[in-house]
N, C-alpha and C. Protein backbone atom coordinates (compact mmCIF):
# COMPACT_ATOMS: atom_id res chain seq x y z
N MET A 1 -82.02 -3.97 22.73
CA MET A 1 -81.97 -2.54 22.73
C MET A 1 -82.01 -2.02 21.31
N GLY A 2 -82.37 -0.79 21.17
CA GLY A 2 -82.42 -0.17 19.86
C GLY A 2 -83.74 -0.43 19.18
N SER A 3 -83.87 0.15 18.02
CA SER A 3 -85.14 0.02 17.32
C SER A 3 -85.19 -1.29 16.56
N GLY A 4 -86.37 -1.66 16.21
CA GLY A 4 -86.58 -2.90 15.48
C GLY A 4 -86.07 -2.84 14.06
N ALA A 5 -85.96 -1.64 13.48
CA ALA A 5 -85.51 -1.50 12.09
C ALA A 5 -84.07 -1.97 11.92
N SER A 6 -83.23 -1.73 12.92
CA SER A 6 -81.84 -2.14 12.78
C SER A 6 -81.68 -3.65 12.89
N LYS A 7 -82.61 -4.29 13.58
CA LYS A 7 -82.51 -5.74 13.75
C LYS A 7 -82.87 -6.47 12.47
N THR A 8 -83.77 -5.93 11.68
CA THR A 8 -84.11 -6.59 10.42
C THR A 8 -82.96 -6.47 9.43
N ALA A 9 -82.18 -5.39 9.55
CA ALA A 9 -81.05 -5.22 8.64
C ALA A 9 -80.00 -6.30 8.88
N GLN A 10 -79.92 -6.80 10.10
CA GLN A 10 -78.94 -7.83 10.41
C GLN A 10 -79.33 -9.16 9.80
N SER A 11 -80.60 -9.40 9.63
CA SER A 11 -81.05 -10.70 9.15
C SER A 11 -81.10 -10.79 7.63
N THR A 12 -81.04 -9.67 6.92
CA THR A 12 -81.08 -9.72 5.45
C THR A 12 -79.73 -10.12 4.90
N ALA A 13 -79.75 -10.80 3.77
CA ALA A 13 -78.51 -11.26 3.14
C ALA A 13 -77.80 -10.08 2.50
N ARG A 14 -76.50 -10.10 2.54
CA ARG A 14 -75.71 -9.02 1.98
C ARG A 14 -75.50 -9.25 0.49
N LYS A 15 -75.56 -8.17 -0.29
CA LYS A 15 -75.35 -8.27 -1.73
C LYS A 15 -73.98 -7.70 -2.05
N PHE A 16 -73.18 -8.46 -2.77
CA PHE A 16 -71.84 -8.04 -3.17
C PHE A 16 -71.89 -7.50 -4.59
N PRO A 17 -71.01 -6.55 -4.94
CA PRO A 17 -71.02 -6.01 -6.31
C PRO A 17 -70.64 -7.09 -7.32
N THR A 18 -71.21 -6.96 -8.52
CA THR A 18 -70.95 -7.96 -9.56
C THR A 18 -69.82 -7.56 -10.48
N ARG A 19 -69.32 -6.32 -10.40
CA ARG A 19 -68.21 -5.89 -11.23
C ARG A 19 -67.21 -5.14 -10.37
N ALA A 20 -66.02 -4.94 -10.91
CA ALA A 20 -64.96 -4.25 -10.17
C ALA A 20 -65.34 -2.79 -10.00
N PRO A 21 -65.00 -2.16 -8.86
CA PRO A 21 -65.34 -0.75 -8.68
C PRO A 21 -64.58 0.12 -9.67
N GLY A 22 -65.22 1.16 -10.16
CA GLY A 22 -64.61 2.10 -11.09
C GLY A 22 -64.70 1.65 -12.54
N GLY A 23 -65.06 0.44 -12.79
CA GLY A 23 -65.17 -0.03 -14.17
C GLY A 23 -66.54 0.30 -14.74
N ALA A 24 -66.60 0.66 -15.99
CA ALA A 24 -67.88 1.00 -16.62
C ALA A 24 -68.57 -0.29 -17.03
N ALA A 25 -69.89 -0.27 -16.93
CA ALA A 25 -70.66 -1.44 -17.32
C ALA A 25 -70.67 -1.55 -18.83
N VAL A 26 -70.37 -2.71 -19.35
CA VAL A 26 -70.34 -2.93 -20.79
C VAL A 26 -71.65 -3.59 -21.18
N PRO A 27 -72.34 -3.03 -22.18
CA PRO A 27 -73.59 -3.67 -22.60
C PRO A 27 -73.29 -5.07 -23.14
N PRO A 28 -74.20 -6.01 -22.88
CA PRO A 28 -73.94 -7.39 -23.27
C PRO A 28 -73.82 -7.59 -24.77
N SER A 29 -74.44 -6.77 -25.59
CA SER A 29 -74.39 -6.99 -27.04
C SER A 29 -73.05 -6.54 -27.63
N SER A 30 -72.35 -5.60 -26.97
CA SER A 30 -71.12 -5.08 -27.56
C SER A 30 -69.86 -5.76 -27.01
N ARG A 31 -69.99 -6.79 -26.23
CA ARG A 31 -68.82 -7.50 -25.69
C ARG A 31 -68.10 -8.22 -26.82
N PRO A 32 -66.76 -8.14 -26.82
CA PRO A 32 -66.03 -8.88 -27.85
C PRO A 32 -66.08 -10.37 -27.57
N ALA A 33 -65.86 -11.12 -28.59
CA ALA A 33 -65.86 -12.57 -28.46
C ALA A 33 -64.72 -12.99 -27.54
N ALA A 34 -64.94 -14.00 -26.76
CA ALA A 34 -63.92 -14.48 -25.81
C ALA A 34 -62.71 -14.99 -26.59
N PRO A 35 -61.51 -14.58 -26.18
CA PRO A 35 -60.34 -15.05 -26.90
C PRO A 35 -60.16 -16.55 -26.69
N ARG A 36 -59.67 -17.17 -27.73
CA ARG A 36 -59.46 -18.61 -27.65
C ARG A 36 -58.24 -18.89 -26.79
N ALA A 37 -58.36 -19.83 -25.93
CA ALA A 37 -57.22 -20.19 -25.07
C ALA A 37 -56.18 -20.89 -25.92
N ALA A 38 -54.94 -20.50 -25.70
CA ALA A 38 -53.85 -21.13 -26.45
C ALA A 38 -53.71 -22.56 -25.99
N ALA A 39 -53.37 -23.40 -26.89
CA ALA A 39 -53.21 -24.82 -26.55
C ALA A 39 -51.99 -24.97 -25.65
N PRO A 40 -52.09 -25.74 -24.57
CA PRO A 40 -50.94 -25.92 -23.69
C PRO A 40 -49.83 -26.67 -24.42
N PRO A 41 -48.59 -26.39 -24.07
CA PRO A 41 -47.49 -27.08 -24.73
C PRO A 41 -47.53 -28.56 -24.40
N PRO A 42 -46.97 -29.37 -25.25
CA PRO A 42 -46.98 -30.81 -24.98
C PRO A 42 -46.23 -31.11 -23.69
N ALA A 43 -46.59 -32.21 -23.05
CA ALA A 43 -46.01 -32.58 -21.76
C ALA A 43 -44.50 -32.79 -21.87
N SER A 44 -44.03 -33.25 -23.01
CA SER A 44 -42.59 -33.51 -23.17
C SER A 44 -41.79 -32.21 -23.19
N ALA A 45 -42.39 -31.09 -23.62
CA ALA A 45 -41.68 -29.82 -23.68
C ALA A 45 -41.61 -29.16 -22.30
N ARG A 46 -42.55 -29.49 -21.40
CA ARG A 46 -42.59 -28.84 -20.10
C ARG A 46 -41.64 -29.48 -19.10
N VAL A 47 -41.39 -30.74 -19.18
CA VAL A 47 -40.57 -31.44 -18.19
C VAL A 47 -39.18 -31.67 -18.77
N PRO A 48 -38.11 -31.12 -18.11
CA PRO A 48 -36.77 -31.39 -18.62
C PRO A 48 -36.40 -32.85 -18.35
N LYS A 49 -35.69 -33.40 -19.29
CA LYS A 49 -35.30 -34.80 -19.17
C LYS A 49 -33.95 -34.90 -18.48
N ALA A 50 -33.81 -35.92 -17.67
CA ALA A 50 -32.53 -36.16 -17.00
C ALA A 50 -31.55 -36.72 -18.02
N SER A 51 -30.30 -36.36 -17.81
CA SER A 51 -29.29 -36.81 -18.76
C SER A 51 -28.02 -37.15 -18.00
N THR A 52 -27.25 -38.06 -18.52
CA THR A 52 -25.99 -38.44 -17.88
C THR A 52 -24.80 -37.75 -18.53
N THR A 53 -25.05 -37.00 -19.58
CA THR A 53 -23.95 -36.30 -20.25
C THR A 53 -24.04 -34.81 -19.95
N LYS A 54 -22.92 -34.16 -20.01
CA LYS A 54 -22.85 -32.73 -19.71
C LYS A 54 -22.87 -31.98 -21.04
N ASP A 55 -23.95 -31.23 -21.27
CA ASP A 55 -24.02 -30.47 -22.51
C ASP A 55 -23.69 -29.00 -22.24
N GLU A 56 -23.77 -28.19 -23.24
CA GLU A 56 -23.40 -26.77 -23.14
C GLU A 56 -24.30 -26.02 -22.16
N ALA A 57 -25.59 -26.36 -22.12
CA ALA A 57 -26.51 -25.67 -21.21
C ALA A 57 -26.12 -25.92 -19.75
N ILE A 58 -25.73 -27.13 -19.43
CA ILE A 58 -25.32 -27.45 -18.06
C ILE A 58 -24.02 -26.74 -17.72
N THR A 59 -23.09 -26.69 -18.65
CA THR A 59 -21.81 -26.02 -18.40
C THR A 59 -21.99 -24.54 -18.16
N THR A 60 -22.81 -23.88 -18.97
CA THR A 60 -23.02 -22.44 -18.77
C THR A 60 -23.81 -22.17 -17.50
N ASP A 61 -24.74 -23.07 -17.16
CA ASP A 61 -25.52 -22.88 -15.94
C ASP A 61 -24.63 -23.01 -14.70
N GLY A 62 -23.68 -23.89 -14.73
CA GLY A 62 -22.80 -24.10 -13.58
C GLY A 62 -21.61 -23.17 -13.56
N GLY A 63 -21.46 -22.32 -14.55
CA GLY A 63 -20.31 -21.42 -14.61
C GLY A 63 -20.44 -20.24 -13.67
N ASP A 64 -19.36 -19.50 -13.53
CA ASP A 64 -19.33 -18.31 -12.67
C ASP A 64 -20.11 -17.19 -13.35
N PRO A 65 -21.14 -16.63 -12.69
CA PRO A 65 -21.92 -15.57 -13.32
C PRO A 65 -21.21 -14.23 -13.33
N ASP A 66 -20.07 -14.11 -12.66
CA ASP A 66 -19.35 -12.84 -12.59
C ASP A 66 -18.61 -12.63 -13.92
N HIS A 67 -19.09 -11.68 -14.71
CA HIS A 67 -18.47 -11.43 -16.00
C HIS A 67 -17.23 -10.56 -15.87
N MET A 68 -17.00 -9.99 -14.68
CA MET A 68 -15.82 -9.15 -14.47
C MET A 68 -14.56 -9.99 -14.29
N THR A 69 -14.71 -11.25 -13.91
CA THR A 69 -13.56 -12.12 -13.71
C THR A 69 -13.02 -12.54 -15.07
N SER A 70 -11.73 -12.42 -15.20
CA SER A 70 -11.13 -12.78 -16.48
C SER A 70 -11.11 -14.30 -16.64
N PRO A 71 -11.24 -14.79 -17.85
CA PRO A 71 -11.20 -16.24 -18.08
C PRO A 71 -9.85 -16.83 -17.69
N ASP A 72 -8.77 -16.05 -17.83
CA ASP A 72 -7.45 -16.56 -17.45
C ASP A 72 -7.40 -16.85 -15.95
N PHE A 73 -7.95 -15.94 -15.16
CA PHE A 73 -7.96 -16.12 -13.71
C PHE A 73 -8.76 -17.36 -13.34
N SER A 74 -9.92 -17.53 -13.95
CA SER A 74 -10.74 -18.70 -13.68
C SER A 74 -10.01 -19.98 -14.07
N GLN A 75 -9.31 -19.95 -15.18
CA GLN A 75 -8.57 -21.12 -15.64
C GLN A 75 -7.46 -21.47 -14.65
N ARG A 76 -6.75 -20.45 -14.14
CA ARG A 76 -5.67 -20.71 -13.17
C ARG A 76 -6.23 -21.30 -11.88
N LEU A 77 -7.40 -20.81 -11.46
CA LEU A 77 -8.01 -21.38 -10.26
C LEU A 77 -8.37 -22.84 -10.47
N ARG A 78 -8.89 -23.18 -11.64
CA ARG A 78 -9.22 -24.57 -11.92
C ARG A 78 -7.97 -25.44 -11.94
N GLN A 79 -6.86 -24.92 -12.46
CA GLN A 79 -5.61 -25.68 -12.51
C GLN A 79 -5.06 -25.93 -11.11
N MET A 80 -5.22 -24.95 -10.21
CA MET A 80 -4.69 -25.11 -8.85
C MET A 80 -5.44 -26.20 -8.09
N GLY A 81 -6.70 -26.37 -8.35
CA GLY A 81 -7.46 -27.43 -7.71
C GLY A 81 -7.96 -27.04 -6.32
N VAL A 82 -8.38 -28.05 -5.59
CA VAL A 82 -8.95 -27.85 -4.27
C VAL A 82 -7.84 -27.57 -3.27
N ALA A 83 -8.07 -26.63 -2.37
CA ALA A 83 -7.08 -26.27 -1.36
C ALA A 83 -6.97 -27.37 -0.32
N THR A 84 -5.75 -27.63 0.14
CA THR A 84 -5.50 -28.60 1.19
C THR A 84 -5.26 -27.84 2.49
N PRO A 85 -6.11 -28.03 3.51
CA PRO A 85 -5.93 -27.28 4.75
C PRO A 85 -4.74 -27.81 5.54
N ASN A 86 -4.18 -26.93 6.37
CA ASN A 86 -3.11 -27.36 7.26
C ASN A 86 -3.71 -28.20 8.37
N PRO A 87 -3.04 -29.25 8.79
CA PRO A 87 -3.59 -30.06 9.88
C PRO A 87 -3.59 -29.24 11.17
N THR A 88 -4.62 -29.46 11.97
CA THR A 88 -4.72 -28.74 13.25
C THR A 88 -4.38 -29.69 14.39
N LEU A 89 -4.29 -29.14 15.59
CA LEU A 89 -3.93 -29.94 16.75
C LEU A 89 -5.16 -30.50 17.46
N SER A 90 -6.33 -30.34 16.88
CA SER A 90 -7.56 -30.79 17.51
C SER A 90 -7.76 -32.28 17.28
N ASN A 91 -8.30 -32.96 18.31
CA ASN A 91 -8.59 -34.38 18.15
C ASN A 91 -9.75 -34.60 17.20
N SER A 92 -10.61 -33.61 17.05
CA SER A 92 -11.77 -33.75 16.18
C SER A 92 -11.49 -33.31 14.75
N SER A 93 -10.25 -32.92 14.47
CA SER A 93 -9.91 -32.44 13.14
C SER A 93 -9.98 -33.57 12.13
N ILE A 94 -10.49 -33.26 10.94
CA ILE A 94 -10.57 -34.27 9.89
C ILE A 94 -9.52 -34.02 8.81
N ALA A 95 -8.67 -33.03 9.03
CA ALA A 95 -7.63 -32.74 8.05
C ALA A 95 -6.58 -33.84 8.11
N THR A 96 -6.14 -34.26 6.95
CA THR A 96 -5.11 -35.30 6.91
C THR A 96 -3.76 -34.67 7.15
N PRO A 97 -2.86 -35.38 7.84
CA PRO A 97 -1.55 -34.80 8.09
C PRO A 97 -0.79 -34.60 6.79
N ALA A 98 0.05 -33.59 6.79
CA ALA A 98 0.84 -33.27 5.60
C ALA A 98 1.90 -34.34 5.39
N SER A 99 2.27 -34.53 4.15
CA SER A 99 3.30 -35.52 3.85
C SER A 99 4.67 -34.93 4.16
N PRO A 100 5.70 -35.77 4.43
CA PRO A 100 7.03 -35.26 4.72
C PRO A 100 7.61 -34.44 3.57
N ALA A 101 7.12 -34.64 2.36
CA ALA A 101 7.64 -33.88 1.23
C ALA A 101 7.25 -32.40 1.34
N GLN A 102 6.22 -32.12 2.12
CA GLN A 102 5.78 -30.73 2.26
C GLN A 102 6.55 -29.99 3.33
N GLY A 103 7.52 -30.61 3.95
CA GLY A 103 8.37 -29.91 4.90
C GLY A 103 7.95 -30.08 6.35
N VAL A 104 6.96 -30.90 6.64
CA VAL A 104 6.54 -31.13 8.01
C VAL A 104 7.13 -32.46 8.45
N SER A 105 7.66 -32.50 9.66
CA SER A 105 8.30 -33.73 10.12
C SER A 105 7.26 -34.82 10.31
N ALA A 106 7.67 -36.06 10.15
CA ALA A 106 6.78 -37.20 10.28
C ALA A 106 6.59 -37.58 11.74
N GLN A 107 7.17 -36.84 12.67
CA GLN A 107 7.07 -37.17 14.09
C GLN A 107 5.72 -36.78 14.66
N GLY A 108 4.92 -36.05 13.96
CA GLY A 108 3.62 -35.63 14.45
C GLY A 108 3.62 -34.14 14.76
N PRO A 109 2.52 -33.67 15.29
CA PRO A 109 2.42 -32.23 15.56
C PRO A 109 3.34 -31.83 16.71
N ARG A 110 3.80 -30.60 16.64
CA ARG A 110 4.68 -30.08 17.68
C ARG A 110 3.88 -29.12 18.55
N TYR A 111 3.75 -29.46 19.82
CA TYR A 111 3.01 -28.64 20.76
C TYR A 111 3.97 -27.66 21.43
N PRO A 112 3.48 -26.50 21.87
CA PRO A 112 4.36 -25.57 22.57
C PRO A 112 4.80 -26.14 23.91
N VAL A 113 5.94 -25.70 24.39
CA VAL A 113 6.46 -26.16 25.66
C VAL A 113 5.52 -25.67 26.76
N ALA A 114 5.19 -26.55 27.72
CA ALA A 114 4.21 -26.22 28.75
C ALA A 114 4.64 -25.04 29.60
N SER A 115 5.94 -24.89 29.86
CA SER A 115 6.40 -23.78 30.70
C SER A 115 6.26 -22.44 30.00
N GLN A 116 6.16 -22.43 28.68
CA GLN A 116 6.03 -21.19 27.93
C GLN A 116 4.58 -20.91 27.51
N ASN A 117 3.68 -21.82 27.82
CA ASN A 117 2.28 -21.66 27.45
C ASN A 117 1.58 -20.83 28.53
N GLN A 118 1.20 -19.60 28.20
CA GLN A 118 0.62 -18.68 29.18
C GLN A 118 -0.71 -19.18 29.73
N THR A 119 -1.50 -19.81 28.91
CA THR A 119 -2.79 -20.32 29.38
C THR A 119 -2.60 -21.39 30.43
N LEU A 120 -1.68 -22.32 30.17
CA LEU A 120 -1.41 -23.38 31.15
C LEU A 120 -0.84 -22.80 32.44
N THR A 121 0.01 -21.80 32.33
CA THR A 121 0.60 -21.17 33.51
C THR A 121 -0.48 -20.53 34.38
N VAL A 122 -1.42 -19.84 33.76
CA VAL A 122 -2.52 -19.21 34.51
C VAL A 122 -3.39 -20.27 35.16
N LEU A 123 -3.69 -21.34 34.44
CA LEU A 123 -4.53 -22.40 35.01
C LEU A 123 -3.84 -23.08 36.19
N GLN A 124 -2.52 -23.29 36.09
CA GLN A 124 -1.78 -23.90 37.20
C GLN A 124 -1.76 -22.98 38.41
N ALA A 125 -1.58 -21.67 38.20
CA ALA A 125 -1.59 -20.72 39.31
C ALA A 125 -2.97 -20.69 39.98
N ARG A 126 -4.00 -20.73 39.18
CA ARG A 126 -5.36 -20.73 39.73
C ARG A 126 -5.61 -21.99 40.56
N GLN A 127 -5.12 -23.12 40.07
CA GLN A 127 -5.29 -24.37 40.80
C GLN A 127 -4.55 -24.31 42.14
N ARG A 128 -3.33 -23.75 42.15
CA ARG A 128 -2.58 -23.61 43.40
C ARG A 128 -3.33 -22.73 44.40
N LEU A 129 -3.88 -21.61 43.92
CA LEU A 129 -4.63 -20.71 44.81
C LEU A 129 -5.88 -21.39 45.36
N GLU A 130 -6.57 -22.15 44.54
CA GLU A 130 -7.76 -22.86 45.01
C GLU A 130 -7.40 -23.88 46.09
N GLU A 131 -6.26 -24.56 45.92
CA GLU A 131 -5.82 -25.52 46.94
C GLU A 131 -5.49 -24.80 48.25
N GLN A 132 -4.85 -23.64 48.16
CA GLN A 132 -4.52 -22.87 49.36
C GLN A 132 -5.79 -22.39 50.07
N ILE A 133 -6.79 -21.98 49.30
CA ILE A 133 -8.05 -21.52 49.90
C ILE A 133 -8.76 -22.69 50.58
N GLU A 134 -8.75 -23.87 49.96
CA GLU A 134 -9.37 -25.04 50.58
C GLU A 134 -8.67 -25.40 51.89
N LEU A 135 -7.33 -25.36 51.92
CA LEU A 135 -6.60 -25.63 53.16
C LEU A 135 -6.94 -24.59 54.22
N GLN A 136 -7.08 -23.35 53.83
CA GLN A 136 -7.42 -22.27 54.75
C GLN A 136 -8.81 -22.48 55.34
N GLN A 137 -9.76 -22.97 54.53
CA GLN A 137 -11.12 -23.20 55.01
C GLN A 137 -11.19 -24.41 55.93
N GLU A 138 -10.31 -25.39 55.71
CA GLU A 138 -10.29 -26.57 56.56
C GLU A 138 -9.75 -26.25 57.96
N ASN A 139 -8.85 -25.28 58.07
CA ASN A 139 -8.24 -24.93 59.35
C ASN A 139 -8.43 -23.43 59.59
N PRO A 140 -9.63 -22.99 60.03
CA PRO A 140 -9.89 -21.56 60.19
C PRO A 140 -9.20 -20.94 61.41
N ALA A 141 -8.65 -21.74 62.30
CA ALA A 141 -8.03 -21.20 63.52
C ALA A 141 -6.78 -20.39 63.21
N THR A 142 -6.12 -20.66 62.11
CA THR A 142 -4.88 -19.94 61.78
C THR A 142 -5.15 -18.55 61.22
N GLY A 143 -6.38 -18.25 60.91
CA GLY A 143 -6.70 -16.95 60.31
C GLY A 143 -6.68 -17.04 58.80
N ARG A 144 -7.39 -16.12 58.19
CA ARG A 144 -7.51 -16.16 56.73
C ARG A 144 -6.44 -15.29 56.09
N ASN A 145 -5.85 -15.83 55.05
CA ASN A 145 -4.88 -15.08 54.26
C ASN A 145 -5.56 -14.49 53.02
N PHE A 146 -6.67 -15.13 52.62
CA PHE A 146 -7.45 -14.67 51.47
C PHE A 146 -8.76 -14.10 51.99
N ALA A 147 -9.23 -13.04 51.36
CA ALA A 147 -10.47 -12.40 51.80
C ALA A 147 -11.32 -12.06 50.59
N ASP A 148 -12.63 -12.11 50.81
CA ASP A 148 -13.54 -11.73 49.72
C ASP A 148 -13.70 -10.21 49.70
N VAL A 149 -14.44 -9.72 48.74
CA VAL A 149 -14.59 -8.28 48.55
C VAL A 149 -15.29 -7.63 49.74
N GLY A 150 -16.29 -8.31 50.29
CA GLY A 150 -16.99 -7.76 51.44
C GLY A 150 -16.08 -7.59 52.64
N THR A 151 -15.21 -8.58 52.87
CA THR A 151 -14.25 -8.49 53.98
C THR A 151 -13.26 -7.37 53.74
N LEU A 152 -12.79 -7.23 52.51
CA LEU A 152 -11.86 -6.13 52.18
C LEU A 152 -12.51 -4.78 52.44
N ARG A 153 -13.76 -4.64 52.07
CA ARG A 153 -14.46 -3.37 52.28
C ARG A 153 -14.59 -3.07 53.77
N GLN A 154 -14.97 -4.10 54.54
CA GLN A 154 -15.09 -3.90 55.99
C GLN A 154 -13.76 -3.48 56.59
N ALA A 155 -12.67 -4.12 56.15
CA ALA A 155 -11.35 -3.79 56.68
C ALA A 155 -10.98 -2.35 56.35
N LEU A 156 -11.27 -1.92 55.13
CA LEU A 156 -10.93 -0.55 54.73
C LEU A 156 -11.77 0.49 55.46
N VAL A 157 -13.05 0.17 55.68
CA VAL A 157 -13.91 1.11 56.41
C VAL A 157 -13.42 1.24 57.85
N MET A 158 -13.10 0.09 58.48
CA MET A 158 -12.58 0.13 59.86
C MET A 158 -11.27 0.90 59.93
N LYS A 159 -10.42 0.68 58.93
CA LYS A 159 -9.14 1.39 58.91
C LYS A 159 -9.38 2.89 58.76
N GLY A 160 -10.37 3.26 57.96
CA GLY A 160 -10.71 4.67 57.80
C GLY A 160 -11.25 5.30 59.08
N LEU A 161 -11.85 4.47 59.93
CA LEU A 161 -12.37 4.96 61.21
C LEU A 161 -11.28 5.01 62.29
N GLY A 162 -10.08 4.55 61.94
CA GLY A 162 -8.96 4.62 62.88
C GLY A 162 -8.77 3.38 63.74
N VAL A 163 -9.40 2.28 63.40
CA VAL A 163 -9.24 1.03 64.16
C VAL A 163 -7.85 0.47 63.85
N PRO A 164 -7.09 0.04 64.87
CA PRO A 164 -5.75 -0.51 64.63
C PRO A 164 -5.81 -1.81 63.82
N ASN A 165 -4.72 -2.09 63.11
CA ASN A 165 -4.65 -3.27 62.24
C ASN A 165 -4.90 -4.56 63.01
N THR A 166 -4.34 -4.69 64.19
CA THR A 166 -4.49 -5.94 64.96
C THR A 166 -5.95 -6.18 65.33
N ASP A 167 -6.68 -5.11 65.69
CA ASP A 167 -8.10 -5.27 66.03
C ASP A 167 -8.92 -5.66 64.79
N ILE A 168 -8.59 -5.06 63.65
CA ILE A 168 -9.30 -5.40 62.40
C ILE A 168 -9.08 -6.87 62.07
N GLU A 169 -7.83 -7.32 62.20
CA GLU A 169 -7.51 -8.71 61.87
C GLU A 169 -8.19 -9.68 62.83
N LYS A 170 -8.33 -9.31 64.10
CA LYS A 170 -9.02 -10.17 65.06
C LYS A 170 -10.51 -10.24 64.74
N ARG A 171 -11.14 -9.08 64.50
CA ARG A 171 -12.58 -9.06 64.24
C ARG A 171 -12.95 -9.81 62.96
N LEU A 172 -12.13 -9.65 61.95
CA LEU A 172 -12.44 -10.28 60.66
C LEU A 172 -11.77 -11.64 60.49
N ARG A 173 -11.08 -12.12 61.54
CA ARG A 173 -10.38 -13.41 61.55
C ARG A 173 -9.40 -13.53 60.39
N LEU A 174 -8.56 -12.52 60.25
CA LEU A 174 -7.52 -12.50 59.23
C LEU A 174 -6.17 -12.80 59.88
N ARG A 175 -5.23 -13.27 59.10
CA ARG A 175 -3.87 -13.50 59.61
C ARG A 175 -3.20 -12.17 59.89
N ASN A 176 -2.17 -12.23 60.74
CA ASN A 176 -1.40 -11.02 61.05
C ASN A 176 -0.71 -10.51 59.79
N GLY A 177 -0.81 -9.23 59.53
CA GLY A 177 -0.14 -8.59 58.40
C GLY A 177 -0.98 -8.45 57.15
N VAL A 178 -2.18 -9.04 57.13
CA VAL A 178 -3.02 -8.96 55.93
C VAL A 178 -3.48 -7.52 55.69
N VAL A 179 -3.89 -6.81 56.73
CA VAL A 179 -4.37 -5.43 56.56
C VAL A 179 -3.22 -4.54 56.10
N ALA A 180 -2.02 -4.78 56.62
CA ALA A 180 -0.86 -3.98 56.19
C ALA A 180 -0.57 -4.21 54.70
N ARG A 181 -0.76 -5.45 54.23
CA ARG A 181 -0.54 -5.73 52.80
C ARG A 181 -1.61 -5.05 51.94
N ILE A 182 -2.82 -4.97 52.46
CA ILE A 182 -3.89 -4.29 51.71
C ILE A 182 -3.55 -2.82 51.56
N GLU A 183 -3.07 -2.21 52.63
CA GLU A 183 -2.74 -0.78 52.61
C GLU A 183 -1.51 -0.49 51.78
N SER A 184 -0.56 -1.40 51.75
CA SER A 184 0.73 -1.11 51.10
C SER A 184 0.58 -0.88 49.60
N GLY A 185 -0.46 -1.42 48.99
CA GLY A 185 -0.64 -1.23 47.55
C GLY A 185 -0.94 0.21 47.20
N GLY A 186 -1.63 0.94 48.06
CA GLY A 186 -1.96 2.33 47.80
C GLY A 186 -3.00 2.53 46.72
N VAL A 187 -3.60 1.46 46.25
CA VAL A 187 -4.57 1.56 45.17
C VAL A 187 -5.99 1.40 45.70
N ILE A 188 -6.17 0.55 46.71
CA ILE A 188 -7.50 0.21 47.19
C ILE A 188 -7.99 1.28 48.16
N SER A 189 -9.20 1.75 47.94
CA SER A 189 -9.84 2.67 48.88
C SER A 189 -11.34 2.44 48.80
N PRO A 190 -12.05 2.52 49.93
CA PRO A 190 -13.49 2.22 49.91
C PRO A 190 -14.29 3.35 49.27
N LEU A 191 -15.34 2.98 48.57
CA LEU A 191 -16.30 3.95 48.03
C LEU A 191 -17.50 3.97 48.95
N ASN A 192 -17.94 5.13 49.33
CA ASN A 192 -19.10 5.21 50.24
C ASN A 192 -20.38 5.24 49.48
């Protein structure tokens, strides 16, 4: 498609400019002589040599670049040395136990009493509830004492429609008194 003139333009080689745009052409006779390239520095001056001694350049390079810090403060930090972390109760801890001179008993770490540990108390209560739910699921003939959210909603909707507690408990296979306990809280109400 199209005229033949545009097709010949595609086959011709493209010419790129020989100078930067905006620059004036300099006549060849008035060009200044090319500057002589500076001799490269010797190879020994370019590559730093490894050394086993600490000189002033290494000390200043490794120093604190913060000029606002007083030299006295830096000196006191150096005198104090590396901090020793307190040992933790983790089995993966790599901290060494403190020596008896530091005021820690040599008997080992002291764990909190299990009866006062809130996390352990919650986990034990959860385990007891899970065991009760498993027993309830194994013997469904006795009725359910625990109910999921869907069952609670159904019970509340039925109660709102005026269905007696005993009928709700029979239909939803709940133990006697479960619906009364749901109502006694006064907090739960169904959202439509």
